[in-house]
Protein backbone atom coordinates (compact mmCIF):
# COMPACT_ATOMS: atom_id res chain seq x y z
CA MET A 1 137.36 73.74 268.81
CA LYS A 2 140.36 71.50 270.39
CA GLU A 3 140.91 73.71 273.35
CA GLU A 4 136.94 73.95 274.24
CA LEU A 5 136.84 69.83 273.94
CA ARG A 6 140.03 69.84 276.17
CA ILE A 7 138.46 72.27 278.75
CA PHE A 8 135.01 70.17 278.35
CA LEU A 9 137.15 67.34 279.22
CA ILE A 10 138.86 68.62 282.19
CA ARG A 11 136.01 69.55 283.55
CA LEU A 12 134.36 66.18 283.34
CA TRP A 13 137.25 64.76 285.54
CA PRO A 14 135.03 64.25 288.92
CA LEU A 15 132.80 62.28 286.94
CA TRP A 16 135.73 60.09 285.08
CA PHE A 17 137.49 59.26 288.72
CA LEU A 18 134.07 58.76 290.12
CA ILE A 19 133.18 56.59 287.25
CA ILE A 20 136.44 54.50 286.72
CA GLY A 21 139.21 55.93 289.76
CA ILE A 22 136.86 54.97 292.91
CA PRO A 23 136.23 51.54 291.49
CA VAL A 24 139.86 50.71 290.30
CA ILE A 25 141.24 52.18 293.89
CA SER A 26 138.57 49.94 295.90
CA PHE A 27 139.33 46.74 293.66
CA LEU A 28 143.19 47.47 294.50
CA ILE A 29 142.77 47.88 298.30
CA TRP A 30 140.65 44.47 298.26
CA MET A 31 143.40 42.75 296.30
CA ILE A 32 146.28 43.78 298.89
CA LEU A 33 144.53 43.13 302.02
CA PRO A 34 145.55 39.89 303.50
CA TYR A 35 143.54 36.58 303.43
CA LYS A 36 142.17 34.88 306.63
CA ASN A 37 141.76 31.58 307.34
CA LEU A 38 138.88 29.92 308.75
CA GLU A 39 137.35 25.95 308.48
CA ILE A 40 133.46 26.67 308.21
CA THR A 41 131.25 23.69 308.08
CA LEU A 42 127.72 24.82 306.54
CA ILE A 43 124.72 22.75 306.51
CA ASP A 44 121.93 23.48 303.93
CA LYS A 45 119.59 20.64 303.13
CA THR A 46 117.10 23.02 301.22
CA VAL A 47 118.46 23.24 297.95
CA PRO A 48 116.10 23.01 294.95
CA ASN A 49 117.98 24.72 292.69
CA GLN A 50 121.76 26.32 291.57
CA ASP A 51 120.84 29.78 293.08
CA TYR A 52 121.84 28.50 296.33
CA GLN A 53 118.92 30.67 298.23
CA GLU A 54 119.95 29.64 301.93
CA HIS A 55 123.56 29.87 301.98
CA GLY A 56 124.83 32.05 299.03
CA SER A 57 124.14 35.45 300.82
CA PHE A 58 126.93 34.30 303.57
CA TYR A 59 129.39 32.72 301.16
CA TRP A 60 129.48 36.24 299.45
CA LEU A 61 130.35 37.73 302.18
CA LEU A 62 133.27 35.17 303.28
CA ASP A 63 134.69 36.34 299.77
CA HIS A 64 133.93 39.77 300.34
CA GLN A 65 136.26 39.30 303.68
CA LYS A 66 138.76 37.11 302.18
CA ILE A 67 138.38 34.26 304.26
CA ARG A 68 139.72 30.74 303.08
CA LYS A 69 140.03 27.36 304.11
CA ASN A 70 143.00 26.02 306.10
CA ASN A 71 144.29 24.65 302.65
CA GLY A 72 144.37 28.23 300.99
CA SER A 73 141.24 26.94 298.57
CA LEU A 74 138.61 29.81 298.93
CA TYR A 75 135.07 28.74 299.51
CA SER A 76 132.52 27.89 296.79
CA LYS A 77 128.56 28.33 297.50
CA ASP A 78 128.09 25.34 294.26
CA SER A 79 130.58 22.95 296.70
CA ASP A 80 131.39 23.90 300.33
CA TYR A 81 128.53 22.68 301.96
CA LEU A 82 126.32 19.67 303.46
CA GLY A 83 123.02 18.36 302.14
CA PHE A 84 121.39 18.45 299.19
CA PHE A 85 122.67 19.02 295.76
CA PRO A 86 120.71 19.75 292.79
CA SER A 87 121.58 17.71 289.40
CA GLY A 88 118.61 19.23 287.28
CA GLU A 89 117.67 15.97 286.09
CA ALA A 90 115.07 13.42 286.49
CA ASP A 91 116.46 12.12 289.95
CA PHE A 92 116.68 15.84 291.40
CA GLY A 93 119.72 15.38 292.68
CA ILE A 94 121.91 13.76 295.19
CA LYS A 95 122.73 14.15 299.18
CA LYS A 96 126.08 14.66 300.24
CA ASP A 97 125.91 14.64 304.30
CA LEU A 98 127.06 12.86 307.40
CA SER A 99 124.94 10.05 306.78
CA LYS A 100 127.68 7.85 305.79
CA LYS A 101 130.04 9.61 308.41
CA SER A 102 131.88 7.56 311.61
CA LYS A 103 131.84 8.70 314.44
CA ALA A 104 135.90 9.55 314.00
CA ASP A 105 134.85 11.14 311.37
CA ILE A 106 132.26 13.75 312.64
CA GLU A 107 135.10 14.23 315.43
CA SER A 108 137.47 15.22 312.95
CA LEU A 109 134.99 17.66 311.17
CA ALA A 110 134.18 19.04 314.45
CA SER A 111 137.74 19.42 315.67
CA LYS A 112 139.17 21.22 312.71
CA SER A 113 135.90 23.61 312.18
CA ASP A 114 135.90 27.01 313.40
CA LEU A 115 132.16 27.25 312.65
CA VAL A 116 129.61 24.53 312.67
CA PHE A 117 126.40 26.47 310.82
CA PHE A 118 123.21 24.88 310.38
CA ALA A 119 121.49 27.19 307.94
CA ASP A 120 118.37 25.21 306.60
CA THR A 121 117.08 21.94 307.71
CA TYR A 122 113.71 22.10 305.60
CA GLY A 123 114.74 19.79 302.80
CA VAL A 124 113.69 19.57 298.94
CA TYR A 125 110.12 18.26 298.11
CA GLU A 126 108.54 17.17 294.68
CA ASP A 127 106.57 20.51 294.49
CA ASP A 128 110.11 22.68 294.33
CA PHE A 129 110.69 20.35 291.05
CA ARG A 130 106.76 21.16 289.66
CA GLU A 131 105.88 24.12 287.48
CA ASP A 132 102.22 23.57 288.28
CA THR A 133 101.92 22.18 291.81
CA ASP A 134 98.43 22.04 291.58
CA TYR A 135 98.16 22.15 295.27
CA ARG A 136 98.85 18.59 295.69
CA PRO A 137 100.58 16.92 299.04
CA SER A 138 104.10 17.36 298.10
CA GLN A 139 106.37 14.29 299.10
CA LYS A 140 109.80 14.81 300.91
CA ILE A 141 112.66 14.07 298.69
CA TYR A 142 115.38 15.21 301.82
CA GLY A 143 115.46 17.28 304.49
CA GLY A 144 115.04 17.43 308.24
CA LEU A 145 117.97 17.74 310.82
CA ASP A 146 119.22 14.10 312.12
CA LEU A 147 121.01 12.35 314.44
CA LYS A 148 123.97 12.62 312.83
CA ASP A 149 123.71 16.72 313.02
CA ILE A 150 122.86 16.16 316.41
CA GLU A 151 126.34 14.32 316.91
CA LEU A 152 128.28 17.12 314.78
CA LEU A 153 126.97 19.82 317.33
CA THR A 154 127.72 17.50 320.46
CA LYS A 155 131.31 17.51 319.37
CA ALA A 156 131.61 21.03 318.13
CA LYS A 157 130.75 22.13 322.07
CA GLU A 158 132.85 19.75 323.29
CA PHE A 159 135.59 21.35 321.39
CA LYS A 160 134.26 24.88 322.07
CA LYS A 161 133.60 26.14 318.54
CA THR A 162 131.37 28.23 317.64
CA VAL A 163 127.77 27.24 316.23
CA ILE A 164 124.98 29.08 314.50
CA GLY A 165 121.25 27.65 314.17
CA GLU A 166 118.85 29.65 312.19
CA TYR A 167 114.98 29.43 311.10
CA ASN A 168 113.23 26.10 310.71
CA VAL A 169 115.91 23.81 311.71
CA MET A 170 113.87 22.17 314.40
CA ALA A 171 110.61 22.26 312.65
CA SER A 172 108.67 19.73 310.38
CA PRO A 173 110.69 17.28 309.30
CA THR A 174 113.00 17.39 311.85
CA PRO A 175 111.85 14.24 314.29
CA THR A 176 110.91 15.00 317.56
CA VAL A 177 113.57 13.43 319.22
CA VAL A 178 116.42 14.72 317.50
CA ARG A 179 114.42 18.36 317.69
CA SER A 180 114.74 17.75 321.99
CA GLU A 181 118.06 17.10 321.68
CA PHE A 182 119.51 20.60 319.50
CA GLU A 183 117.11 22.38 321.88
CA ARG A 184 118.73 20.64 324.76
CA LEU A 185 122.20 21.34 323.10
CA MET A 186 121.55 24.92 322.06
CA GLY A 187 119.29 25.71 325.34
CA ILE A 188 116.66 27.14 323.37
CA LYS A 189 112.95 25.80 323.36
CA TRP A 190 110.91 25.93 319.90
CA THR A 191 107.20 27.13 321.28
CA GLY A 192 105.52 25.26 318.23
CA TRP A 193 104.70 28.54 316.49
CA ILE A 194 106.14 30.75 313.32
CA ALA A 195 104.82 34.00 311.75
CA ARG A 196 105.09 35.96 308.62
CA PHE A 197 103.89 39.54 307.76
CA PHE A 198 101.74 39.78 304.55
CA ASP A 199 101.07 43.12 303.26
CA GLU A 200 98.00 41.90 301.94
CA LEU A 201 95.91 39.24 303.27
CA ASP A 202 93.27 39.03 300.77
CA SER A 203 94.00 35.97 298.80
CA LEU A 204 92.37 37.21 295.90
CA GLN A 205 94.64 39.79 295.62
CA ASN A 206 97.77 38.41 297.10
CA PRO A 207 99.17 34.93 295.19
CA ASP A 208 101.32 34.50 298.06
CA ILE A 209 98.66 33.27 300.33
CA PRO A 210 98.89 29.62 300.26
CA LYS A 211 95.41 28.13 299.32
CA TRP A 212 96.08 25.38 302.05
CA MET A 213 96.31 28.42 304.97
CA ARG A 214 93.31 29.93 303.25
CA ASP A 215 91.71 26.58 303.46
CA GLN A 216 92.75 25.72 307.10
CA TYR A 217 92.05 29.04 308.73
CA THR A 218 88.26 28.48 307.26
CA LEU A 219 87.92 25.21 308.60
CA GLN A 220 89.07 26.80 311.85
CA HIS A 221 87.28 29.95 312.45
CA GLY A 222 84.52 29.43 309.77
CA GLU A 223 85.17 31.82 307.28
CA TYR A 224 88.33 33.88 305.73
CA PRO A 225 87.24 37.23 306.18
CA LEU A 226 90.88 39.07 306.07
CA LYS A 227 92.15 41.40 304.27
CA GLY A 228 94.91 44.52 304.35
CA PRO A 229 98.03 43.90 305.91
CA GLY A 230 98.69 41.39 308.85
CA MET A 231 100.12 38.79 310.19
CA ILE A 232 99.62 34.82 310.30
CA PHE A 233 100.70 32.76 313.17
CA ILE A 234 101.17 28.92 312.33
CA GLU A 235 100.89 26.20 315.34
CA GLU A 236 102.77 23.09 314.54
CA SER A 237 99.57 20.75 315.16
CA GLY A 238 98.08 23.35 312.17
CA ARG A 239 96.36 25.64 314.14
CA ILE A 240 96.19 29.34 312.48
CA GLU A 241 95.57 32.53 314.01
CA ALA A 242 95.87 36.19 312.58
CA LEU A 243 96.52 39.35 313.81
CA LEU A 244 95.76 42.72 311.85
CA HIS A 245 97.29 45.77 311.36
CA GLU A 246 96.08 48.79 313.16
CA GLU A 247 93.24 46.61 315.01
CA ASP A 248 95.94 43.88 316.87
CA PHE A 249 99.37 45.56 316.17
CA GLY A 250 100.81 49.24 315.16
CA ASN A 251 104.33 48.76 313.06
CA GLU A 252 103.98 48.71 309.30
CA THR A 253 105.83 45.24 309.52
CA PRO A 254 107.31 43.39 312.48
CA MET A 255 110.48 45.30 313.56
CA ILE A 256 113.83 43.75 314.46
CA ARG A 257 114.59 46.09 317.29
CA THR A 258 118.34 46.23 318.80
CA GLN A 259 119.32 48.24 321.89
CA LEU A 260 122.05 50.37 321.32
CA MET A 261 123.72 49.26 324.62
CA ASN A 262 123.07 45.61 324.42
CA LYS A 263 124.69 43.27 326.61
CA ALA A 264 126.08 41.46 323.30
CA GLY A 265 127.73 44.33 321.96
CA PHE A 266 126.92 44.18 318.89
CA LYS A 267 126.49 47.73 316.64
CA LEU A 268 123.88 47.48 314.42
CA PRO A 269 120.62 49.55 313.80
CA GLU A 270 118.44 50.02 316.15
CA LEU A 271 115.17 49.09 314.07
CA VAL A 272 114.80 46.98 310.45
CA PRO A 273 111.55 45.88 309.45
CA TYR A 274 111.26 42.17 308.95
CA PRO A 275 108.30 40.90 306.91
CA ASP A 276 109.54 36.87 306.53
CA TRP A 277 108.82 34.28 308.52
CA PHE A 278 110.12 33.61 311.85
CA ASP A 279 110.08 31.15 314.59
CA ILE A 280 108.98 32.02 318.45
CA VAL A 281 112.04 30.35 320.88
CA LEU A 282 111.97 30.46 324.29
CA ILE A 283 115.41 31.00 325.76
CA GLU A 284 117.63 30.01 328.58
CA ARG A 285 118.60 32.68 331.19
CA ASP A 286 122.48 32.30 330.46
CA TYR A 287 121.52 33.85 326.30
CA ASN A 288 122.11 37.56 325.82
CA VAL A 289 119.39 39.15 323.36
CA ILE A 290 121.27 40.71 320.45
CA SER A 291 117.89 41.52 319.11
CA TYR A 292 114.32 40.79 319.13
CA PHE A 293 111.27 41.05 317.26
CA ASP A 294 108.90 43.59 318.46
CA ILE A 295 105.08 44.26 316.51
CA ASN A 296 103.42 47.05 319.11
CA PRO A 297 100.54 45.08 319.73
CA SER A 298 97.31 46.72 320.62
CA VAL A 299 95.23 45.25 323.94
CA SER A 300 93.92 42.90 321.26
CA GLY A 301 97.08 41.81 319.94
CA ILE A 302 98.49 41.07 323.51
CA GLN A 303 95.17 39.01 324.32
CA LYS A 304 95.42 37.37 321.03
CA LEU A 305 99.15 36.40 321.85
CA ARG A 306 98.07 35.20 325.36
CA ASN A 307 95.87 33.34 324.05
CA MET A 308 98.63 31.52 321.45
CA GLY A 309 101.02 31.46 325.01
CA LEU A 310 102.67 33.78 323.52
CA PRO A 311 104.75 36.64 325.22
CA ARG A 312 105.33 40.24 323.67
CA PHE A 313 108.28 40.31 322.66
CA PHE A 314 110.38 37.46 320.53
CA PRO A 315 114.02 36.64 320.74
CA ALA A 316 115.42 37.34 316.67
CA ALA A 317 119.05 36.54 317.18
CA ILE A 318 120.88 35.67 320.66
CA VAL A 319 123.93 34.23 321.94
CA ARG A 320 125.51 32.39 324.69
CA GLU A 321 128.92 31.76 325.92
CA ILE A 322 129.79 28.54 327.34
CA GLU A 323 133.31 28.10 328.64
CA GLY A 324 135.06 30.13 325.86
CA ALA A 325 132.53 28.87 322.73
CA LYS A 326 129.45 30.91 321.46
CA GLN A 327 126.24 30.09 320.64
CA TYR A 328 124.13 31.54 318.05
CA TYR A 329 120.68 31.20 317.35
CA PHE A 330 118.90 33.67 314.31
CA SER A 331 114.61 33.08 314.67
CA GLY A 332 114.22 34.65 311.74
CA ASP A 333 115.01 32.97 307.81
CA PHE A 334 117.57 35.45 307.72
CA SER A 335 120.30 34.00 305.26
CA ASP A 336 117.46 33.90 302.95
CA PHE A 337 118.47 35.71 299.62
CA ARG A 338 117.41 35.75 296.33
CA TYR A 339 119.47 38.60 294.46
CA GLN A 340 122.51 38.24 292.59
CA LEU A 341 125.40 40.16 294.46
CA GLY A 342 127.89 40.92 292.12
CA SER A 343 131.57 40.37 292.64
CA ALA A 344 132.34 40.75 296.52
CA LYS A 345 136.05 41.96 295.36
CA PHE A 346 135.93 45.62 296.02
CA TYR A 347 136.36 47.44 299.15
CA GLY A 348 133.77 49.32 301.12
CA LEU A 349 130.82 47.56 299.28
CA PRO A 350 128.90 47.26 302.14
CA PHE A 351 128.98 50.72 303.01
CA PHE A 352 128.22 52.04 299.39
CA TRP A 353 124.90 49.89 299.21
CA ARG A 354 123.92 50.32 302.75
CA GLY A 355 123.73 53.94 301.01
CA ILE A 356 121.65 52.74 298.29
CA TYR A 357 119.16 50.24 299.82
CA LEU A 358 117.41 51.73 303.09
CA ALA A 359 116.88 49.54 305.93
CA ASN A 360 113.45 50.78 306.11
CA ASN A 361 112.38 49.79 302.90
CA TYR A 362 110.88 46.43 303.77
CA THR A 363 109.73 45.44 300.23
CA ASP A 364 113.10 45.23 299.17
CA ARG A 365 115.60 41.82 300.95
CA ARG A 366 118.79 44.07 299.97
CA GLY A 367 118.02 46.64 302.59
CA PHE A 368 117.63 43.84 305.26
CA TYR A 369 120.97 42.23 303.81
CA TRP A 370 123.14 45.49 303.73
CA ASN A 371 121.93 47.25 307.44
CA TYR A 372 121.16 43.96 309.46
CA TYR A 373 122.21 40.41 308.06
CA TYR A 374 125.76 41.36 306.66
CA PRO A 375 126.79 43.70 309.87
CA LEU A 376 125.68 40.85 311.99
CA MET A 377 127.41 38.17 310.39
CA ASP A 378 130.85 40.39 310.00
CA GLN A 379 130.70 40.82 313.48
CA ILE A 380 130.38 37.49 314.27
CA ILE A 381 133.36 36.23 311.66
CA GLU A 382 135.31 38.91 313.46
CA GLN A 383 135.02 37.47 316.58
CA ILE A 384 135.86 33.83 315.38
CA LYS A 385 138.96 35.53 313.62
CA LYS A 386 140.01 36.89 316.88
CA ASP A 387 139.12 34.13 319.19
CA LYS A 388 141.14 31.79 316.50
CA PRO A 389 144.57 30.84 317.72
């Protein structure tokens, strides 16, 4: 009996190695890899709770890549950002931003930063803290790009620092004058339109269709007959238009398309579905397009886009280099991530998770994160590390 048990256990050694050996080896490899110092200034004003949904996934990447501050301390998603800090109390929270910083303080911050990342500036609203919003108008608590942020961007550009801007940084509640300065400094122009795919436009079947959106569409078009998959386009003036799947566009969802030999040199999947919000921007000629949105519009879809003053393709991720400094802009809400990622302290995790979460599964955000967002940000961070003296 003992001999049979011994043989049985020996036969199980590949399973033991898979369950215990590989994780241990992966952890030990991660432990012996060296740390790299980078100073990162991240602005996230959309933090209604302690999920840190708009920047938590980026900080996981920093942990996995063993990126730390120049003083040797590790980055924490709880505290190492500028923006809103929720308290969980009746006062909602506090803001820690640039509003009380002097010109000298901002100049010093820009000078020491290797990366300035405008992750999200939409802000927090009273509805974020209500259990039942009842569709009441929501009062802003905090949010929007401001002139101090523009001052930081200006100095970062002067000091030839890498800058990343992301979806919604230019939209409401950012004042028009501030938006114009951001556009000028970044070399982009927001068309005023944002868009999103919904797998079901029938508001009775899909609770994600906001009541105000249905009401506004009915007010402008006389009725709300929308059903099935489709895309909603919203202009900052309040105008709402819809493109229907099969009738107006052919792709199952909007696709992020990256050419194999893109000028920016990024290695990313050729096609990744993206069903979330994105803004539509126009870019200056010195930008290289890393990826672009493609919805494969039909003849009627192209006509609808023309009626909105929009092009056939929309930039998704772009980059330009000005005197050695790189500027990036992501038109999609790429950093937004609702899942817990677990420990980052295992070598090879991104490769492993890419095999589990496939890029073509648009219903699971983890597929987008592991197949597009992580490789994109990883390559940007690697470039910053290479360029750092």
